[in-house]
Amino acid sequence: MAYEESCPFCNPHQDPEQNIVFENESCYFLQHNDQQDVLEGCGVIVPKKHHANAFELTREEWNDTYELLQKAKEYLDEKFSPDGYTLGWNVGEVSNQFIFHSHFHIIPRYNDEPLAGKGFRYWLKQPENKREKLK
């Protein structure tokens, strides 16, 4: 099994603030206590094997990610009753990935949030994010 000793997602049991909500053969659905203050109910699906990004996942890991996504939605709908979801992968530093173990974000969204209606495209489409044209 691919593994990195210093990786928090390879070692979710070592962080007392990290909760393994459920798991299947190849993946975990994790919720970290430190993330719940602003992003209530948020979590990540991570493969148990260490992969730097989503492009390295096996077909089994993709299928198990899908399975946990459906289970996570059912769990989050029942526990938090969100009005929507933001889902996504960050791949590479430029996309704000800072734990280099593939992880799929599941972020419940609520109508009463100050930023309701604004997803990741909103931030990426800001004029200050426009690249200069190459000559």
N, C-alpha and C. Protein backbone atom coordinates (compact mmCIF):
# COMPACT_ATOMS: atom_id res chain seq x y z
N MET A 1 0.85 -1.19 0.00
CA MET A 1 0.00 0.00 0.00
C MET A 1 0.88 1.24 0.00
N ALA A 2 0.58 2.19 -0.88
CA ALA A 2 1.31 3.45 -0.89
C ALA A 2 1.00 4.19 0.41
N TYR A 3 2.06 4.71 1.04
CA TYR A 3 1.92 5.29 2.37
C TYR A 3 3.03 6.30 2.59
N GLU A 4 2.71 7.41 3.26
CA GLU A 4 3.72 8.38 3.68
C GLU A 4 3.56 8.63 5.17
N GLU A 5 4.61 8.41 5.91
CA GLU A 5 4.56 8.49 7.37
C GLU A 5 4.09 9.84 7.89
N SER A 6 4.50 10.93 7.22
CA SER A 6 4.16 12.27 7.72
C SER A 6 2.84 12.81 7.17
N CYS A 7 2.13 12.03 6.38
CA CYS A 7 0.89 12.49 5.76
C CYS A 7 -0.30 12.33 6.71
N PRO A 8 -1.04 13.42 6.99
CA PRO A 8 -2.18 13.32 7.91
C PRO A 8 -3.31 12.43 7.38
N PHE A 9 -3.45 12.31 6.07
CA PHE A 9 -4.51 11.46 5.52
C PHE A 9 -4.09 10.00 5.44
N CYS A 10 -2.80 9.72 5.46
CA CYS A 10 -2.33 8.33 5.58
C CYS A 10 -2.47 7.85 7.01
N ASN A 11 -2.57 8.78 7.95
CA ASN A 11 -2.59 8.47 9.39
C ASN A 11 -3.74 9.17 10.11
N PRO A 12 -4.98 8.99 9.66
CA PRO A 12 -6.08 9.74 10.29
C PRO A 12 -6.29 9.39 11.76
N HIS A 13 -5.87 8.21 12.17
CA HIS A 13 -6.05 7.80 13.57
C HIS A 13 -5.13 8.55 14.53
N GLN A 14 -4.07 9.16 14.01
CA GLN A 14 -3.10 9.82 14.88
C GLN A 14 -3.52 11.22 15.32
N ASP A 15 -4.51 11.81 14.65
CA ASP A 15 -4.98 13.15 15.00
C ASP A 15 -6.28 13.01 15.79
N PRO A 16 -6.27 13.35 17.09
CA PRO A 16 -7.49 13.19 17.90
C PRO A 16 -8.64 14.08 17.43
N GLU A 17 -8.35 15.09 16.63
CA GLU A 17 -9.40 15.99 16.12
C GLU A 17 -10.00 15.48 14.81
N GLN A 18 -9.39 14.45 14.21
CA GLN A 18 -9.85 13.90 12.93
C GLN A 18 -10.83 12.76 13.21
N ASN A 19 -12.00 12.84 12.62
CA ASN A 19 -13.02 11.83 12.82
C ASN A 19 -13.24 11.02 11.55
N ILE A 20 -13.10 9.72 11.66
CA ILE A 20 -13.46 8.84 10.55
C ILE A 20 -14.96 8.57 10.72
N VAL A 21 -15.75 9.23 9.90
CA VAL A 21 -17.20 9.13 10.02
C VAL A 21 -17.65 7.76 9.50
N PHE A 22 -17.12 7.37 8.35
CA PHE A 22 -17.31 6.02 7.83
C PHE A 22 -16.26 5.75 6.78
N GLU A 23 -16.18 4.50 6.38
CA GLU A 23 -15.17 4.07 5.41
C GLU A 23 -15.70 2.88 4.63
N ASN A 24 -15.02 2.61 3.52
CA ASN A 24 -15.28 1.40 2.77
C ASN A 24 -13.93 0.74 2.47
N GLU A 25 -13.87 -0.13 1.51
CA GLU A 25 -12.65 -0.89 1.25
C GLU A 25 -11.43 -0.01 1.00
N SER A 26 -11.59 1.08 0.21
CA SER A 26 -10.40 1.84 -0.19
C SER A 26 -10.40 3.30 0.24
N CYS A 27 -11.47 3.81 0.86
CA CYS A 27 -11.56 5.23 1.17
C CYS A 27 -12.16 5.49 2.55
N TYR A 28 -11.87 6.70 3.06
CA TYR A 28 -12.48 7.21 4.28
C TYR A 28 -13.31 8.44 3.96
N PHE A 29 -14.34 8.69 4.78
CA PHE A 29 -14.99 10.01 4.82
C PHE A 29 -14.60 10.59 6.17
N LEU A 30 -13.86 11.71 6.14
CA LEU A 30 -13.30 12.32 7.34
C LEU A 30 -13.93 13.69 7.60
N GLN A 31 -14.09 14.01 8.87
CA GLN A 31 -14.46 15.35 9.29
C GLN A 31 -13.49 15.76 10.40
N HIS A 32 -12.88 16.93 10.24
CA HIS A 32 -11.92 17.43 11.23
C HIS A 32 -12.61 18.47 12.10
N ASN A 33 -12.47 18.34 13.40
CA ASN A 33 -13.14 19.26 14.33
C ASN A 33 -12.77 20.72 14.09
N ASP A 34 -11.52 21.01 13.72
CA ASP A 34 -11.07 22.39 13.51
C ASP A 34 -11.76 23.06 12.32
N GLN A 35 -12.32 22.28 11.40
CA GLN A 35 -12.94 22.84 10.21
C GLN A 35 -14.43 23.13 10.39
N GLN A 36 -15.01 22.71 11.50
CA GLN A 36 -16.47 22.76 11.65
C GLN A 36 -17.01 24.11 12.08
N ASP A 37 -16.15 25.01 12.53
CA ASP A 37 -16.60 26.32 13.01
C ASP A 37 -17.26 27.14 11.90
N VAL A 38 -16.58 27.27 10.77
CA VAL A 38 -17.09 28.07 9.66
C VAL A 38 -17.82 27.19 8.64
N LEU A 39 -17.25 26.03 8.34
CA LEU A 39 -17.81 25.15 7.32
C LEU A 39 -18.53 23.97 7.98
N GLU A 40 -19.62 24.26 8.66
CA GLU A 40 -20.35 23.24 9.41
C GLU A 40 -20.73 22.05 8.54
N GLY A 41 -20.30 20.86 8.96
CA GLY A 41 -20.62 19.63 8.27
C GLY A 41 -19.63 19.23 7.20
N CYS A 42 -18.64 20.08 6.92
CA CYS A 42 -17.72 19.78 5.83
C CYS A 42 -16.88 18.54 6.13
N GLY A 43 -16.43 17.91 5.07
CA GLY A 43 -15.57 16.75 5.21
C GLY A 43 -14.85 16.47 3.90
N VAL A 44 -14.04 15.43 3.93
CA VAL A 44 -13.30 15.02 2.74
C VAL A 44 -13.38 13.50 2.60
N ILE A 45 -13.36 13.08 1.35
CA ILE A 45 -13.21 11.66 1.05
C ILE A 45 -11.78 11.48 0.59
N VAL A 46 -11.06 10.57 1.25
CA VAL A 46 -9.66 10.33 0.92
C VAL A 46 -9.43 8.84 0.68
N PRO A 47 -8.60 8.52 -0.31
CA PRO A 47 -8.23 7.12 -0.47
C PRO A 47 -7.30 6.70 0.66
N LYS A 48 -7.38 5.45 1.05
CA LYS A 48 -6.50 4.94 2.09
C LYS A 48 -5.06 4.85 1.60
N LYS A 49 -4.88 4.57 0.33
CA LYS A 49 -3.53 4.57 -0.26
C LYS A 49 -3.14 6.01 -0.56
N HIS A 50 -1.87 6.29 -0.42
CA HIS A 50 -1.38 7.65 -0.68
C HIS A 50 -1.25 7.88 -2.19
N HIS A 51 -2.03 8.84 -2.67
CA HIS A 51 -1.93 9.33 -4.05
C HIS A 51 -1.84 10.84 -3.95
N ALA A 52 -0.97 11.45 -4.70
CA ALA A 52 -0.80 12.90 -4.62
C ALA A 52 -2.04 13.65 -5.08
N ASN A 53 -2.76 13.11 -6.06
CA ASN A 53 -3.92 13.82 -6.58
C ASN A 53 -4.92 12.87 -7.21
N ALA A 54 -6.07 13.40 -7.58
CA ALA A 54 -7.18 12.59 -8.10
C ALA A 54 -6.85 11.88 -9.41
N PHE A 55 -5.91 12.39 -10.16
CA PHE A 55 -5.56 11.76 -11.43
C PHE A 55 -4.87 10.41 -11.25
N GLU A 56 -4.43 10.12 -10.03
CA GLU A 56 -3.74 8.87 -9.74
C GLU A 56 -4.65 7.78 -9.17
N LEU A 57 -5.92 8.09 -8.95
CA LEU A 57 -6.82 7.12 -8.34
C LEU A 57 -7.09 5.94 -9.27
N THR A 58 -7.28 4.78 -8.66
CA THR A 58 -7.67 3.59 -9.42
C THR A 58 -9.17 3.62 -9.67
N ARG A 59 -9.63 2.76 -10.55
CA ARG A 59 -11.07 2.66 -10.82
C ARG A 59 -11.81 2.28 -9.53
N GLU A 60 -11.24 1.36 -8.74
CA GLU A 60 -11.86 0.97 -7.48
C GLU A 60 -11.98 2.17 -6.54
N GLU A 61 -10.94 2.99 -6.45
CA GLU A 61 -10.98 4.18 -5.58
C GLU A 61 -12.01 5.19 -6.07
N TRP A 62 -12.14 5.35 -7.38
CA TRP A 62 -13.18 6.23 -7.92
C TRP A 62 -14.56 5.70 -7.54
N ASN A 63 -14.77 4.40 -7.72
CA ASN A 63 -16.07 3.81 -7.37
C ASN A 63 -16.35 3.93 -5.88
N ASP A 64 -15.34 3.69 -5.05
CA ASP A 64 -15.52 3.81 -3.60
C ASP A 64 -15.73 5.26 -3.18
N THR A 65 -15.10 6.20 -3.89
CA THR A 65 -15.35 7.63 -3.64
C THR A 65 -16.81 7.96 -3.93
N TYR A 66 -17.30 7.47 -5.05
CA TYR A 66 -18.71 7.69 -5.40
C TYR A 66 -19.63 7.12 -4.33
N GLU A 67 -19.33 5.91 -3.89
CA GLU A 67 -20.15 5.26 -2.85
C GLU A 67 -20.17 6.09 -1.58
N LEU A 68 -19.01 6.58 -1.15
CA LEU A 68 -18.96 7.39 0.07
C LEU A 68 -19.60 8.76 -0.12
N LEU A 69 -19.52 9.31 -1.33
CA LEU A 69 -20.18 10.59 -1.60
C LEU A 69 -21.69 10.46 -1.39
N GLN A 70 -22.28 9.38 -1.88
CA GLN A 70 -23.72 9.17 -1.70
C GLN A 70 -24.05 8.97 -0.22
N LYS A 71 -23.22 8.22 0.47
CA LYS A 71 -23.44 7.98 1.90
C LYS A 71 -23.26 9.27 2.70
N ALA A 72 -22.24 10.07 2.34
CA ALA A 72 -22.00 11.34 3.02
C ALA A 72 -23.17 12.30 2.81
N LYS A 73 -23.70 12.36 1.60
CA LYS A 73 -24.84 13.25 1.34
C LYS A 73 -26.04 12.86 2.21
N GLU A 74 -26.32 11.58 2.26
CA GLU A 74 -27.44 11.11 3.09
C GLU A 74 -27.22 11.49 4.56
N TYR A 75 -26.01 11.27 5.04
CA TYR A 75 -25.65 11.59 6.43
C TYR A 75 -25.75 13.10 6.69
N LEU A 76 -25.17 13.91 5.80
CA LEU A 76 -25.17 15.36 5.99
C LEU A 76 -26.57 15.95 5.85
N ASP A 77 -27.35 15.43 4.90
CA ASP A 77 -28.74 15.90 4.76
C ASP A 77 -29.52 15.67 6.05
N GLU A 78 -29.33 14.49 6.63
CA GLU A 78 -30.06 14.16 7.85
C GLU A 78 -29.57 14.96 9.05
N LYS A 79 -28.25 15.12 9.18
CA LYS A 79 -27.68 15.76 10.37
C LYS A 79 -27.70 17.29 10.31
N PHE A 80 -27.49 17.88 9.11
CA PHE A 80 -27.32 19.34 9.00
C PHE A 80 -28.36 20.04 8.12
N SER A 81 -29.09 19.31 7.30
CA SER A 81 -30.11 19.88 6.40
C SER A 81 -29.58 21.05 5.56
N PRO A 82 -28.48 20.86 4.83
CA PRO A 82 -27.96 21.96 4.00
C PRO A 82 -28.90 22.27 2.84
N ASP A 83 -28.74 23.46 2.28
CA ASP A 83 -29.54 23.89 1.14
C ASP A 83 -28.85 23.58 -0.19
N GLY A 84 -27.59 23.20 -0.13
CA GLY A 84 -26.82 22.86 -1.33
C GLY A 84 -25.45 22.34 -0.92
N TYR A 85 -24.61 22.10 -1.91
CA TYR A 85 -23.26 21.59 -1.67
C TYR A 85 -22.27 22.22 -2.62
N THR A 86 -21.06 22.40 -2.16
CA THR A 86 -19.92 22.68 -3.02
C THR A 86 -19.02 21.45 -2.91
N LEU A 87 -18.68 20.88 -4.06
CA LEU A 87 -17.85 19.68 -4.11
C LEU A 87 -16.62 19.97 -4.94
N GLY A 88 -15.48 19.39 -4.59
CA GLY A 88 -14.33 19.62 -5.46
C GLY A 88 -13.02 19.03 -5.01
N TRP A 89 -12.13 18.95 -5.99
CA TRP A 89 -10.75 18.50 -5.82
C TRP A 89 -9.84 19.69 -6.06
N ASN A 90 -8.80 19.84 -5.29
CA ASN A 90 -7.72 20.77 -5.58
C ASN A 90 -6.52 19.91 -5.97
N VAL A 91 -5.89 20.26 -7.08
CA VAL A 91 -4.74 19.49 -7.56
C VAL A 91 -3.58 20.45 -7.80
N GLY A 92 -2.55 20.34 -6.98
CA GLY A 92 -1.36 21.18 -7.11
C GLY A 92 -1.45 22.44 -6.27
N GLU A 93 -0.28 23.00 -5.99
CA GLU A 93 -0.20 24.21 -5.16
C GLU A 93 -1.01 25.37 -5.73
N VAL A 94 -0.98 25.55 -7.04
CA VAL A 94 -1.66 26.68 -7.66
C VAL A 94 -3.17 26.62 -7.43
N SER A 95 -3.70 25.43 -7.18
CA SER A 95 -5.13 25.30 -6.92
C SER A 95 -5.45 25.28 -5.43
N ASN A 96 -4.45 25.53 -4.59
CA ASN A 96 -4.58 25.60 -3.14
C ASN A 96 -4.56 24.23 -2.47
N GLN A 97 -4.00 23.23 -3.14
CA GLN A 97 -3.79 21.95 -2.47
C GLN A 97 -2.57 22.11 -1.58
N PHE A 98 -2.72 21.83 -0.28
CA PHE A 98 -1.56 21.93 0.60
C PHE A 98 -1.31 20.64 1.37
N ILE A 99 -2.24 19.68 1.29
CA ILE A 99 -1.96 18.32 1.75
C ILE A 99 -1.91 17.50 0.48
N PHE A 100 -0.75 16.98 0.15
CA PHE A 100 -0.56 16.31 -1.13
C PHE A 100 -0.89 14.82 -1.04
N HIS A 101 -2.09 14.59 -0.55
CA HIS A 101 -2.75 13.29 -0.57
C HIS A 101 -4.13 13.60 -1.12
N SER A 102 -4.49 12.96 -2.21
CA SER A 102 -5.76 13.24 -2.86
C SER A 102 -6.91 13.30 -1.85
N HIS A 103 -7.73 14.34 -1.96
CA HIS A 103 -8.90 14.45 -1.09
C HIS A 103 -9.99 15.25 -1.80
N PHE A 104 -11.21 14.73 -1.68
CA PHE A 104 -12.39 15.29 -2.34
C PHE A 104 -13.21 16.03 -1.29
N HIS A 105 -13.34 17.34 -1.46
CA HIS A 105 -14.06 18.18 -0.50
C HIS A 105 -15.58 18.06 -0.68
N ILE A 106 -16.26 17.92 0.44
CA ILE A 106 -17.72 17.95 0.48
C ILE A 106 -18.08 19.06 1.47
N ILE A 107 -18.64 20.14 0.93
CA ILE A 107 -18.92 21.32 1.76
C ILE A 107 -20.42 21.64 1.69
N PRO A 108 -21.15 21.34 2.76
CA PRO A 108 -22.56 21.73 2.79
C PRO A 108 -22.68 23.25 2.74
N ARG A 109 -23.69 23.74 2.02
CA ARG A 109 -23.92 25.18 1.90
C ARG A 109 -25.32 25.51 2.39
N TYR A 110 -25.47 26.73 2.94
CA TYR A 110 -26.70 27.13 3.60
C TYR A 110 -27.17 28.49 3.09
N ASN A 111 -28.48 28.65 2.95
CA ASN A 111 -29.04 29.91 2.45
C ASN A 111 -28.70 31.11 3.32
N ASP A 112 -28.45 30.90 4.61
CA ASP A 112 -28.18 32.03 5.51
C ASP A 112 -26.69 32.36 5.64
N GLU A 113 -25.84 31.75 4.81
CA GLU A 113 -24.41 32.10 4.82
C GLU A 113 -24.21 33.49 4.22
N PRO A 114 -23.25 34.27 4.72
CA PRO A 114 -22.94 35.55 4.08
C PRO A 114 -22.52 35.40 2.61
N LEU A 115 -21.90 34.27 2.25
CA LEU A 115 -21.46 34.06 0.87
C LEU A 115 -22.34 33.05 0.13
N ALA A 116 -23.57 32.89 0.56
CA ALA A 116 -24.49 31.98 -0.14
C ALA A 116 -24.60 32.41 -1.60
N GLY A 117 -24.62 31.45 -2.48
CA GLY A 117 -24.71 31.73 -3.91
C GLY A 117 -23.38 31.96 -4.58
N LYS A 118 -22.31 31.95 -3.82
CA LYS A 118 -20.98 32.17 -4.38
C LYS A 118 -20.15 30.91 -4.18
N GLY A 119 -19.84 30.24 -5.25
CA GLY A 119 -19.01 29.05 -5.22
C GLY A 119 -17.61 29.36 -5.70
N PHE A 120 -16.85 28.33 -5.98
CA PHE A 120 -15.46 28.55 -6.38
C PHE A 120 -15.34 29.30 -7.70
N ARG A 121 -16.31 29.18 -8.60
CA ARG A 121 -16.24 29.92 -9.86
C ARG A 121 -16.32 31.42 -9.61
N TYR A 122 -17.08 31.83 -8.60
CA TYR A 122 -17.19 33.25 -8.28
C TYR A 122 -15.81 33.83 -8.01
N TRP A 123 -15.02 33.14 -7.20
CA TRP A 123 -13.70 33.64 -6.83
C TRP A 123 -12.75 33.59 -8.01
N LEU A 124 -12.81 32.56 -8.81
CA LEU A 124 -11.91 32.42 -9.95
C LEU A 124 -12.21 33.43 -11.06
N LYS A 125 -13.45 33.87 -11.16
CA LYS A 125 -13.86 34.78 -12.24
C LYS A 125 -13.65 36.25 -11.90
N GLN A 126 -13.05 36.56 -10.78
CA GLN A 126 -12.81 37.95 -10.41
C GLN A 126 -11.79 38.57 -11.38
N PRO A 127 -11.96 39.85 -11.75
CA PRO A 127 -11.05 40.49 -12.72
C PRO A 127 -9.58 40.41 -12.29
N GLU A 128 -9.31 40.46 -11.00
CA GLU A 128 -7.91 40.41 -10.56
C GLU A 128 -7.27 39.04 -10.79
N ASN A 129 -8.07 38.06 -11.16
CA ASN A 129 -7.53 36.72 -11.44
C ASN A 129 -7.22 36.52 -12.93
N LYS A 130 -7.49 37.52 -13.76
CA LYS A 130 -7.26 37.38 -15.21
C LYS A 130 -5.76 37.36 -15.49
N ARG A 131 -5.35 36.39 -16.30
CA ARG A 131 -3.93 36.27 -16.67
C ARG A 131 -3.60 37.32 -17.73
N GLU A 132 -2.34 37.75 -17.72
CA GLU A 132 -1.87 38.64 -18.78
C GLU A 132 -1.71 37.82 -20.04
N LYS A 133 -2.05 38.43 -21.17
CA LYS A 133 -1.92 37.73 -22.45
C LYS A 133 -0.45 37.62 -22.82
N LEU A 134 -0.09 36.43 -23.26
CA LEU A 134 1.29 36.21 -23.73
C LEU A 134 1.43 36.79 -25.13
N LYS A 135 2.60 37.35 -25.43
CA LYS A 135 2.81 37.96 -26.76
C LYS A 135 3.48 37.00 -27.68
